[in-house]
Amino acid sequence: MLRVRLTKRTVFLHSLLPILLAVYLSWMPFSEPILNEVSLEYLRFSEAYPLGYPVFLNVIELFSLNRMWVVHAQIWFFAFSVFYLSLSIFKNTNNNLHSLLISLPILFNPYSLSVHYAILPQSLFLSFSLLALAFFISSFGRCWVLNLAGFGFSIACCILLEANGWAYLILLLFAAPLIARKNNCSFAKVFFIPAVVCTLFVTIESTTHSAVHERSTDKPHAPHVFFGAALMDTTQDSPYAEKDPRTVIWSLIETELANVRAEIWQTASFDDRVSLLNYHKQLIKNGFAQQEISQAAQLLEKSENEIRMDIANARIIQDPLAFLKITWDHYRALWHVDYRLTYPLWIISVLTLLIGLWCLLSGVKFNPMFALAFICACALQAQTLWIAHVGIGPAHIVTQLGSLLSTLFIALLIGFYIAVVSPLRNDA
């Protein structure tokens, strides 16, 4: 095992750049408003969102009612997360340059700099995503309980901040064999410690959310899933009774949207099909069968989004392949923006994921940077698949997931360098 001794000088050097950037961002003039309509929903503890960010806002209010304190807290927590990621990489490679190469693109990514100036959970989500990577690489180097618990806690915080944090649960499954194989320890230990910690905090949030909102029925993802199910390339019969109000909505989907479905799926050009999907998405989400959905909600004593999910789930169960087809188009559309740039990045991430899975199944040991690149690829693909399915999450992959993309690419290059040019010394 590579053993690196941390000195005060090393800690200072790795903290210097994040601190300097945080100081600059804290004092830099900023003219854009930090509050918007969504920010107000978080301040009101809206039932549509997890409790993580509203709780953070209330903690800051204990110290000051000045909203700029929220911005400063987000900036400095981001600086800490980059510092800890940099330090974790150094501990596993004994190379300051490797840490610097990964930290610089994260620190100076324009999206990373601007996201902190809004009272929205994206800043903390980014910071906890980086902390999850940091605790993973720390656990990969040394399988301590605190490192494993920190990994699970970081993923739990991502879930508590934004719904797309659920996509990170797959990291628990893929990280465990990497850590266990590297440290020659029990798979049960490296899987269950972070999984239990994550489950504990998510359960506490879920219980508290139910207590605060009594009966929370709002499902923010329902309009997107309903839209996808309504435009599936299929025709289906209603599974509901003739007098069930959901049968009326089902009939409207089959009759009024038949021409729309035909137009979309007979379009050969992917660009044209995506344009049609985006156009009809807004029409269906905002106004399709609104009166009938409201009446069904009243008669069945459910929320409108619950009615949408009832119909969507029934259609998906009848023809899951048709839903996978439209989800695949949503997934491709996420990577199709500026495709000359995004397609090469998509290829790199998918190849990293596939080769990593093959190495994992073959029993090949990863060096630290290959392991980090593989986990980043898992996080990227999980995020985009989640967004394609439920429609919640960042819409522009390159800008909003740029930190994961840059970490993946640079870690991959460093991994090859370590494997071929400068293998790490093994003290075990």
Protein backbone atom coordinates (compact mmCIF):
# COMPACT_ATOMS: atom_id res chain seq x y z
CA MET A 1 0.00 0.00 0.00
CA LEU A 2 1.31 3.44 -0.90
CA ARG A 3 1.76 5.37 2.34
CA VAL A 4 2.02 9.15 2.17
CA ARG A 5 2.71 11.26 5.21
CA LEU A 6 0.84 14.53 5.33
CA THR A 7 2.77 17.51 6.61
CA LYS A 8 1.56 21.01 7.52
CA ARG A 9 3.32 22.28 4.41
CA THR A 10 1.44 19.81 2.20
CA VAL A 11 -1.93 20.68 3.70
CA PHE A 12 -1.18 24.39 3.30
CA LEU A 13 -0.16 24.00 -0.36
CA HIS A 14 -3.31 22.07 -1.24
CA SER A 15 -5.55 24.56 0.56
CA LEU A 16 -3.89 27.68 -0.85
CA LEU A 17 -5.55 27.82 -4.28
CA PRO A 18 -9.11 26.99 -3.07
CA ILE A 19 -8.78 29.59 -0.30
CA LEU A 20 -7.50 32.29 -2.65
CA LEU A 21 -10.33 31.58 -5.08
CA ALA A 22 -12.92 31.62 -2.26
CA VAL A 23 -11.60 34.97 -1.05
CA TYR A 24 -11.79 36.37 -4.57
CA LEU A 25 -15.33 35.04 -5.16
CA SER A 26 -16.49 36.33 -1.77
CA TRP A 27 -15.41 39.89 -2.57
CA MET A 28 -16.04 39.93 -6.30
CA PRO A 29 -18.86 42.33 -7.31
CA PHE A 30 -21.93 40.48 -8.54
CA SER A 31 -24.92 42.24 -10.07
CA GLU A 32 -27.27 39.31 -10.78
CA PRO A 33 -30.12 38.65 -8.29
CA ILE A 34 -29.48 35.74 -5.95
CA LEU A 35 -33.20 35.02 -5.45
CA ASN A 36 -35.75 33.77 -7.97
CA GLU A 37 -39.12 32.00 -7.89
CA VAL A 38 -37.58 28.59 -7.21
CA SER A 39 -35.46 30.06 -4.39
CA LEU A 40 -38.65 31.26 -2.71
CA GLU A 41 -40.08 27.73 -2.90
CA TYR A 42 -37.07 26.45 -0.94
CA LEU A 43 -37.43 29.25 1.60
CA ARG A 44 -41.09 28.24 2.07
CA PHE A 45 -40.23 24.56 2.58
CA SER A 46 -42.22 23.52 -0.50
CA GLU A 47 -43.29 19.88 -0.41
CA ALA A 48 -42.06 19.46 -3.99
CA TYR A 49 -38.42 19.53 -2.87
CA PRO A 50 -36.29 17.57 -0.37
CA LEU A 51 -35.58 19.17 2.99
CA GLY A 52 -31.80 19.34 2.68
CA TYR A 53 -31.48 22.80 1.18
CA PRO A 54 -34.28 24.48 3.22
CA VAL A 55 -32.59 23.15 6.40
CA PHE A 56 -29.26 24.60 5.20
CA LEU A 57 -30.93 27.99 4.62
CA ASN A 58 -32.44 27.93 8.11
CA VAL A 59 -29.07 27.11 9.68
CA ILE A 60 -27.53 30.12 7.94
CA GLU A 61 -30.42 32.30 9.20
CA LEU A 62 -29.39 31.44 12.76
CA PHE A 63 -26.24 33.49 12.16
CA SER A 64 -27.53 36.20 9.85
CA LEU A 65 -30.64 37.16 7.89
CA ASN A 66 -28.43 38.61 5.16
CA ARG A 67 -28.90 36.35 2.12
CA MET A 68 -25.32 36.96 0.99
CA TRP A 69 -24.22 34.78 3.89
CA VAL A 70 -25.78 31.86 2.00
CA VAL A 71 -23.65 32.70 -1.04
CA HIS A 72 -20.48 32.97 1.05
CA ALA A 73 -21.21 29.66 2.81
CA GLN A 74 -21.68 27.95 -0.56
CA ILE A 75 -18.43 29.41 -1.90
CA TRP A 76 -16.35 28.35 1.09
CA PHE A 77 -17.88 24.88 1.26
CA PHE A 78 -17.06 24.44 -2.44
CA ALA A 79 -13.48 25.50 -1.70
CA PHE A 80 -13.29 22.93 1.10
CA SER A 81 -14.60 20.13 -1.13
CA VAL A 82 -12.00 20.87 -3.82
CA PHE A 83 -9.28 21.05 -1.16
CA TYR A 84 -10.25 17.67 0.29
CA LEU A 85 -10.45 16.07 -3.16
CA SER A 86 -6.99 17.44 -3.99
CA LEU A 87 -5.57 16.16 -0.70
CA SER A 88 -7.16 12.73 -1.18
CA ILE A 89 -5.62 12.40 -4.64
CA PHE A 90 -2.22 13.40 -3.28
CA LYS A 91 -2.48 10.77 -0.52
CA ASN A 92 -3.06 8.09 -3.16
CA THR A 93 -0.49 9.19 -5.75
CA ASN A 94 2.15 11.10 -3.73
CA ASN A 95 2.18 13.65 -6.55
CA ASN A 96 1.17 17.28 -6.10
CA LEU A 97 0.95 17.82 -9.86
CA HIS A 98 -1.76 15.16 -10.22
CA SER A 99 -3.88 16.91 -7.59
CA LEU A 100 -3.33 20.27 -9.24
CA LEU A 101 -4.28 18.98 -12.71
CA ILE A 102 -7.63 17.75 -11.42
CA SER A 103 -8.34 20.73 -9.14
CA LEU A 104 -7.67 23.53 -11.63
CA PRO A 105 -10.45 22.72 -14.17
CA ILE A 106 -12.94 22.35 -11.31
CA LEU A 107 -11.94 25.62 -9.66
CA PHE A 108 -11.98 27.64 -12.86
CA ASN A 109 -14.96 26.06 -14.59
CA PRO A 110 -17.26 29.04 -15.38
CA TYR A 111 -20.32 27.09 -14.24
CA SER A 112 -18.62 26.20 -10.96
CA LEU A 113 -17.91 29.88 -10.38
CA SER A 114 -21.40 31.15 -11.18
CA VAL A 115 -23.54 28.48 -9.55
CA HIS A 116 -22.68 29.66 -6.03
CA TYR A 117 -24.32 33.06 -6.54
CA ALA A 118 -27.90 31.75 -6.49
CA ILE A 119 -29.96 30.54 -3.56
CA LEU A 120 -30.47 27.16 -5.14
CA PRO A 121 -29.15 23.71 -4.17
CA GLN A 122 -26.91 23.26 -7.25
CA SER A 123 -23.87 24.70 -5.47
CA LEU A 124 -24.07 22.33 -2.50
CA PHE A 125 -24.93 19.44 -4.83
CA LEU A 126 -21.72 20.08 -6.77
CA SER A 127 -19.69 20.32 -3.55
CA PHE A 128 -21.07 17.08 -2.10
CA SER A 129 -20.51 15.34 -5.45
CA LEU A 130 -16.84 16.32 -5.19
CA LEU A 131 -16.74 15.21 -1.55
CA ALA A 132 -18.18 11.84 -2.56
CA LEU A 133 -15.30 11.45 -5.03
CA ALA A 134 -12.82 12.55 -2.35
CA PHE A 135 -14.11 10.09 0.26
CA PHE A 136 -14.17 7.33 -2.36
CA ILE A 137 -10.53 7.86 -3.32
CA SER A 138 -9.62 8.07 0.39
CA SER A 139 -11.43 4.77 1.02
CA PHE A 140 -9.69 3.27 -2.01
CA GLY A 141 -6.32 4.15 -0.47
CA ARG A 142 -7.19 3.16 3.08
CA CYS A 143 -10.39 1.38 4.05
CA TRP A 144 -11.17 3.31 7.22
CA VAL A 145 -14.65 3.47 8.68
CA LEU A 146 -14.65 7.29 8.61
CA ASN A 147 -13.75 7.33 4.91
CA LEU A 148 -16.51 4.85 4.08
CA ALA A 149 -19.03 6.68 6.26
CA GLY A 150 -18.06 9.98 4.60
CA PHE A 151 -18.67 8.43 1.19
CA GLY A 152 -22.16 7.30 2.19
CA PHE A 153 -22.93 10.60 3.92
CA SER A 154 -21.93 12.63 0.83
CA ILE A 155 -24.23 10.59 -1.41
CA ALA A 156 -27.05 10.96 1.14
CA CYS A 157 -26.56 14.74 1.14
CA CYS A 158 -26.82 14.80 -2.67
CA ILE A 159 -30.15 12.96 -2.38
CA LEU A 160 -31.32 15.37 0.34
CA LEU A 161 -30.48 18.34 -1.87
CA GLU A 162 -31.86 17.32 -5.27
CA ALA A 163 -33.95 14.45 -6.61
CA ASN A 164 -31.31 13.54 -9.21
CA GLY A 165 -29.02 12.65 -6.31
CA TRP A 166 -30.78 9.27 -6.28
CA ALA A 167 -28.77 8.43 -9.40
CA TYR A 168 -25.63 8.29 -7.21
CA LEU A 169 -26.87 5.21 -5.35
CA ILE A 170 -25.30 3.10 -8.09
CA LEU A 171 -21.89 4.38 -6.90
CA LEU A 172 -22.29 2.42 -3.66
CA LEU A 173 -22.53 -0.81 -5.65
CA PHE A 174 -19.63 -0.14 -8.01
CA ALA A 175 -17.28 1.40 -5.43
CA ALA A 176 -17.49 -1.52 -3.00
CA PRO A 177 -15.64 -4.16 -5.10
CA LEU A 178 -12.95 -1.65 -6.09
CA ILE A 179 -12.23 -0.74 -2.46
CA ALA A 180 -12.47 -4.33 -1.22
CA ARG A 181 -10.11 -5.67 -3.89
CA LYS A 182 -7.56 -2.90 -3.38
CA ASN A 183 -7.48 -3.27 0.42
CA ASN A 184 -8.04 -7.05 0.60
CA CYS A 185 -10.94 -6.53 2.97
CA SER A 186 -14.54 -7.70 3.25
CA PHE A 187 -16.99 -6.64 0.54
CA ALA A 188 -19.73 -6.55 3.20
CA LYS A 189 -17.78 -3.95 5.19
CA VAL A 190 -17.09 -1.59 2.30
CA PHE A 191 -20.65 -1.86 0.97
CA PHE A 192 -22.76 -1.82 4.13
CA ILE A 193 -21.00 0.98 6.04
CA PRO A 194 -21.66 3.67 3.39
CA ALA A 195 -25.01 2.09 2.47
CA VAL A 196 -26.23 2.12 6.09
CA VAL A 197 -25.05 5.71 6.64
CA CYS A 198 -26.75 6.80 3.42
CA THR A 199 -29.96 4.94 4.27
CA LEU A 200 -30.01 6.41 7.79
CA PHE A 201 -29.88 10.04 6.65
CA VAL A 202 -32.29 9.52 3.75
CA THR A 203 -34.75 7.80 6.10
CA ILE A 204 -34.50 10.66 8.61
CA GLU A 205 -35.16 13.17 5.82
CA SER A 206 -38.08 11.16 4.44
CA THR A 207 -39.66 10.79 7.89
CA THR A 208 -39.19 14.48 8.66
CA HIS A 209 -40.55 15.48 5.24
CA SER A 210 -43.69 13.42 5.86
CA ALA A 211 -44.09 14.97 9.32
CA VAL A 212 -43.62 18.53 8.03
CA HIS A 213 -45.93 18.16 5.05
CA GLU A 214 -48.25 15.54 6.59
CA ARG A 215 -49.33 13.85 3.33
CA SER A 216 -46.97 14.88 0.55
CA THR A 217 -48.47 13.96 -2.81
CA ASP A 218 -46.59 16.25 -5.17
CA LYS A 219 -44.42 14.39 -7.67
CA PRO A 220 -42.31 16.89 -9.66
CA HIS A 221 -41.24 14.22 -12.15
CA ALA A 222 -44.82 13.15 -12.97
CA PRO A 223 -45.43 15.60 -15.88
CA HIS A 224 -42.27 14.44 -17.67
CA VAL A 225 -42.99 10.73 -17.22
CA PHE A 226 -46.62 11.30 -18.25
CA PHE A 227 -45.46 13.16 -21.36
CA GLY A 228 -43.12 10.31 -22.30
CA ALA A 229 -45.76 7.66 -21.70
CA ALA A 230 -48.35 9.61 -23.74
CA LEU A 231 -46.03 9.86 -26.77
CA MET A 232 -44.75 6.28 -26.72
CA ASP A 233 -44.70 4.64 -30.13
CA THR A 234 -47.64 2.38 -29.33
CA THR A 235 -51.44 2.14 -29.15
CA GLN A 236 -53.00 0.60 -26.05
CA ASP A 237 -56.35 -0.21 -24.48
CA SER A 238 -57.25 1.28 -21.11
CA PRO A 239 -56.76 -1.12 -18.17
CA TYR A 240 -59.27 0.88 -16.11
CA ALA A 241 -63.02 0.31 -15.82
CA GLU A 242 -65.22 2.10 -18.32
CA LYS A 243 -66.59 4.52 -15.70
CA ASP A 244 -63.17 5.19 -14.14
CA PRO A 245 -62.29 8.87 -14.81
CA ARG A 246 -58.79 7.80 -15.86
CA THR A 247 -60.32 5.96 -18.83
CA VAL A 248 -61.44 9.31 -20.26
CA ILE A 249 -57.86 10.63 -20.09
CA TRP A 250 -56.57 7.40 -21.62
CA SER A 251 -58.98 7.76 -24.53
CA LEU A 252 -57.84 11.34 -25.11
CA ILE A 253 -54.24 10.16 -25.26
CA GLU A 254 -55.09 7.51 -27.85
CA THR A 255 -57.28 9.77 -30.02
CA GLU A 256 -56.00 13.33 -29.76
CA LEU A 257 -52.30 12.43 -29.69
CA ALA A 258 -52.38 9.74 -32.39
CA ASN A 259 -51.35 12.16 -35.15
CA VAL A 260 -48.68 13.68 -32.93
CA ARG A 261 -47.15 10.27 -32.26
CA ALA A 262 -47.23 9.40 -35.95
CA GLU A 263 -45.52 12.68 -36.85
CA ILE A 264 -42.78 12.19 -34.27
CA TRP A 265 -41.92 8.56 -34.95
CA GLN A 266 -42.13 8.83 -38.73
CA THR A 267 -39.51 11.59 -38.65
CA ALA A 268 -36.21 10.13 -39.81
CA SER A 269 -34.00 13.02 -38.69
CA PHE A 270 -33.03 12.84 -35.01
CA ASP A 271 -32.72 16.63 -34.80
CA ASP A 272 -36.26 17.07 -36.13
CA ARG A 273 -37.61 14.41 -33.79
CA VAL A 274 -36.02 16.08 -30.76
CA SER A 275 -37.49 19.43 -31.82
CA LEU A 276 -40.94 17.88 -32.11
CA LEU A 277 -40.59 16.15 -28.74
CA ASN A 278 -39.54 19.39 -27.03
CA TYR A 279 -42.38 21.32 -28.67
CA HIS A 280 -45.10 18.84 -27.71
CA LYS A 281 -43.55 18.31 -24.28
CA GLN A 282 -44.50 21.81 -23.18
CA LEU A 283 -48.02 21.50 -24.61
CA ILE A 284 -48.69 18.18 -22.92
CA LYS A 285 -47.08 19.07 -19.57
CA ASN A 286 -48.86 22.40 -19.28
CA GLY A 287 -52.32 21.89 -20.68
CA PHE A 288 -53.21 18.47 -22.09
CA ALA A 289 -56.46 17.08 -20.63
CA GLN A 290 -56.09 19.43 -17.66
CA GLN A 291 -59.82 19.56 -16.93
CA GLU A 292 -60.18 15.78 -17.08
CA ILE A 293 -57.11 15.28 -14.86
CA SER A 294 -58.49 17.75 -12.29
CA GLN A 295 -61.86 15.98 -12.26
CA ALA A 296 -60.20 12.58 -11.87
CA ALA A 297 -58.11 13.89 -8.97
CA GLN A 298 -61.23 15.14 -7.19
CA LEU A 299 -63.24 11.97 -7.77
CA LEU A 300 -60.41 9.61 -6.74
CA GLU A 301 -59.13 11.88 -3.92
CA LYS A 302 -55.64 12.04 -5.37
CA SER A 303 -53.37 14.82 -6.55
CA GLU A 304 -53.18 15.64 -10.26
CA ASN A 305 -49.62 14.34 -10.45
CA GLU A 306 -50.70 11.06 -8.85
CA ILE A 307 -53.31 10.69 -11.61
CA ARG A 308 -50.61 11.37 -14.22
CA MET A 309 -48.34 8.75 -12.67
CA ASP A 310 -51.18 6.19 -12.50
CA ILE A 311 -51.75 6.50 -16.24
CA ALA A 312 -48.06 6.68 -17.10
CA ASN A 313 -47.19 3.58 -15.06
CA ALA A 314 -50.06 1.62 -16.61
CA ARG A 315 -48.90 2.51 -20.13
CA ILE A 316 -45.26 1.69 -19.33
CA ILE A 317 -46.20 -1.72 -17.88
CA GLN A 318 -48.17 -2.56 -21.04
CA ASP A 319 -45.28 -1.69 -23.38
CA PRO A 320 -41.96 -1.12 -21.57
CA LEU A 321 -39.93 -1.31 -24.79
CA ALA A 322 -41.80 1.65 -26.26
CA PHE A 323 -40.99 3.69 -23.15
CA LEU A 324 -37.32 2.66 -23.34
CA LYS A 325 -37.32 3.89 -26.94
CA ILE A 326 -38.51 7.40 -26.04
CA THR A 327 -36.23 7.47 -22.96
CA TRP A 328 -33.31 6.61 -25.25
CA ASP A 329 -34.19 9.62 -27.41
CA HIS A 330 -34.26 11.84 -24.31
CA TYR A 331 -30.87 10.42 -23.32
CA ARG A 332 -29.39 11.03 -26.77
CA ALA A 333 -30.78 14.57 -26.78
CA LEU A 334 -28.86 15.38 -23.58
CA TRP A 335 -25.58 14.52 -25.32
CA HIS A 336 -26.63 15.97 -28.69
CA VAL A 337 -26.25 19.64 -27.69
CA ASP A 338 -23.02 20.91 -29.34
CA TYR A 339 -22.51 17.32 -30.47
CA ARG A 340 -19.06 17.97 -31.98
CA LEU A 341 -17.89 18.47 -28.40
CA THR A 342 -20.30 16.30 -26.43
CA TYR A 343 -20.15 13.13 -28.55
CA PRO A 344 -16.39 12.61 -28.01
CA LEU A 345 -16.93 13.17 -24.29
CA TRP A 346 -19.83 10.70 -24.34
CA ILE A 347 -17.66 8.10 -26.10
CA ILE A 348 -14.86 8.54 -23.54
CA SER A 349 -17.25 8.18 -20.60
CA VAL A 350 -19.02 5.13 -22.04
CA LEU A 351 -15.74 3.40 -22.96
CA THR A 352 -14.37 4.13 -19.49
CA LEU A 353 -17.49 2.62 -17.96
CA LEU A 354 -17.48 -0.49 -20.18
CA ILE A 355 -13.75 -1.15 -19.83
CA GLY A 356 -14.01 -0.56 -16.08
CA LEU A 357 -16.85 -3.07 -15.79
CA TRP A 358 -14.87 -5.62 -17.80
CA CYS A 359 -11.81 -5.13 -15.57
CA LEU A 360 -14.00 -5.36 -12.48
CA LEU A 361 -15.51 -8.67 -13.60
CA SER A 362 -12.09 -9.95 -14.68
CA GLY A 363 -10.53 -9.32 -11.28
CA VAL A 364 -8.09 -6.67 -12.51
CA LYS A 365 -6.83 -4.28 -9.84
CA PHE A 366 -7.28 -0.58 -10.56
CA ASN A 367 -4.74 2.11 -9.81
CA PRO A 368 -6.22 5.08 -7.89
CA MET A 369 -6.75 7.31 -10.92
CA PHE A 370 -8.35 4.57 -13.03
CA ALA A 371 -10.69 3.91 -10.09
CA LEU A 372 -11.55 7.62 -9.86
CA ALA A 373 -12.16 7.83 -13.62
CA PHE A 374 -14.43 4.76 -13.48
CA ILE A 375 -16.52 6.18 -10.61
CA CYS A 376 -16.82 9.52 -12.45
CA ALA A 377 -18.03 7.66 -15.56
CA CYS A 378 -20.61 5.81 -13.43
CA ALA A 379 -21.79 9.09 -11.92
CA LEU A 380 -22.07 10.78 -15.33
CA GLN A 381 -24.00 8.00 -17.00
CA ALA A 382 -26.25 7.49 -13.96
CA GLN A 383 -27.06 11.20 -13.94
CA THR A 384 -27.91 11.37 -17.64
CA LEU A 385 -30.01 8.20 -17.54
CA TRP A 386 -31.90 9.56 -14.53
CA ILE A 387 -32.55 12.89 -16.24
CA ALA A 388 -33.70 11.12 -19.41
CA HIS A 389 -36.16 9.04 -17.37
CA VAL A 390 -37.67 11.62 -14.99
CA GLY A 391 -36.74 14.94 -16.60
CA ILE A 392 -35.27 16.38 -13.39
CA GLY A 393 -31.66 17.53 -13.35
CA PRO A 394 -29.17 19.56 -15.39
CA ALA A 395 -30.11 19.93 -19.05
CA HIS A 396 -26.69 20.90 -20.42
CA ILE A 397 -24.23 18.10 -19.71
CA VAL A 398 -20.97 19.83 -20.61
CA THR A 399 -21.50 22.95 -18.49
CA GLN A 400 -23.42 21.60 -15.52
CA LEU A 401 -21.58 18.29 -15.21
CA GLY A 402 -18.30 19.80 -16.38
CA SER A 403 -16.51 19.06 -13.09
CA LEU A 404 -17.24 15.34 -13.41
CA LEU A 405 -16.24 15.37 -17.08
CA SER A 406 -12.92 17.12 -16.46
CA THR A 407 -12.12 14.85 -13.49
CA LEU A 408 -12.92 11.78 -15.58
CA PHE A 409 -10.75 12.86 -18.51
CA ILE A 410 -7.72 13.99 -16.48
CA ALA A 411 -7.90 11.02 -14.08
CA LEU A 412 -7.93 8.73 -17.11
CA LEU A 413 -4.78 10.35 -18.52
CA ILE A 414 -3.02 10.22 -15.14
CA GLY A 415 -4.12 6.61 -14.72
CA PHE A 416 -2.43 5.65 -17.99
CA TYR A 417 0.67 7.60 -16.97
CA ILE A 418 0.84 5.77 -13.63
CA ALA A 419 0.23 2.38 -15.24
CA VAL A 420 2.72 2.75 -18.09
CA VAL A 421 5.34 5.36 -17.19
CA SER A 422 5.52 5.68 -13.42
CA PRO A 423 3.93 2.78 -11.50
CA LEU A 424 3.18 3.55 -7.85
CA ARG A 425 5.48 2.00 -5.29
CA ASN A 426 3.86 -0.78 -3.26
CA ASP A 427 4.97 -0.90 0.37
CA ALA A 428 2.73 -3.81 1.28
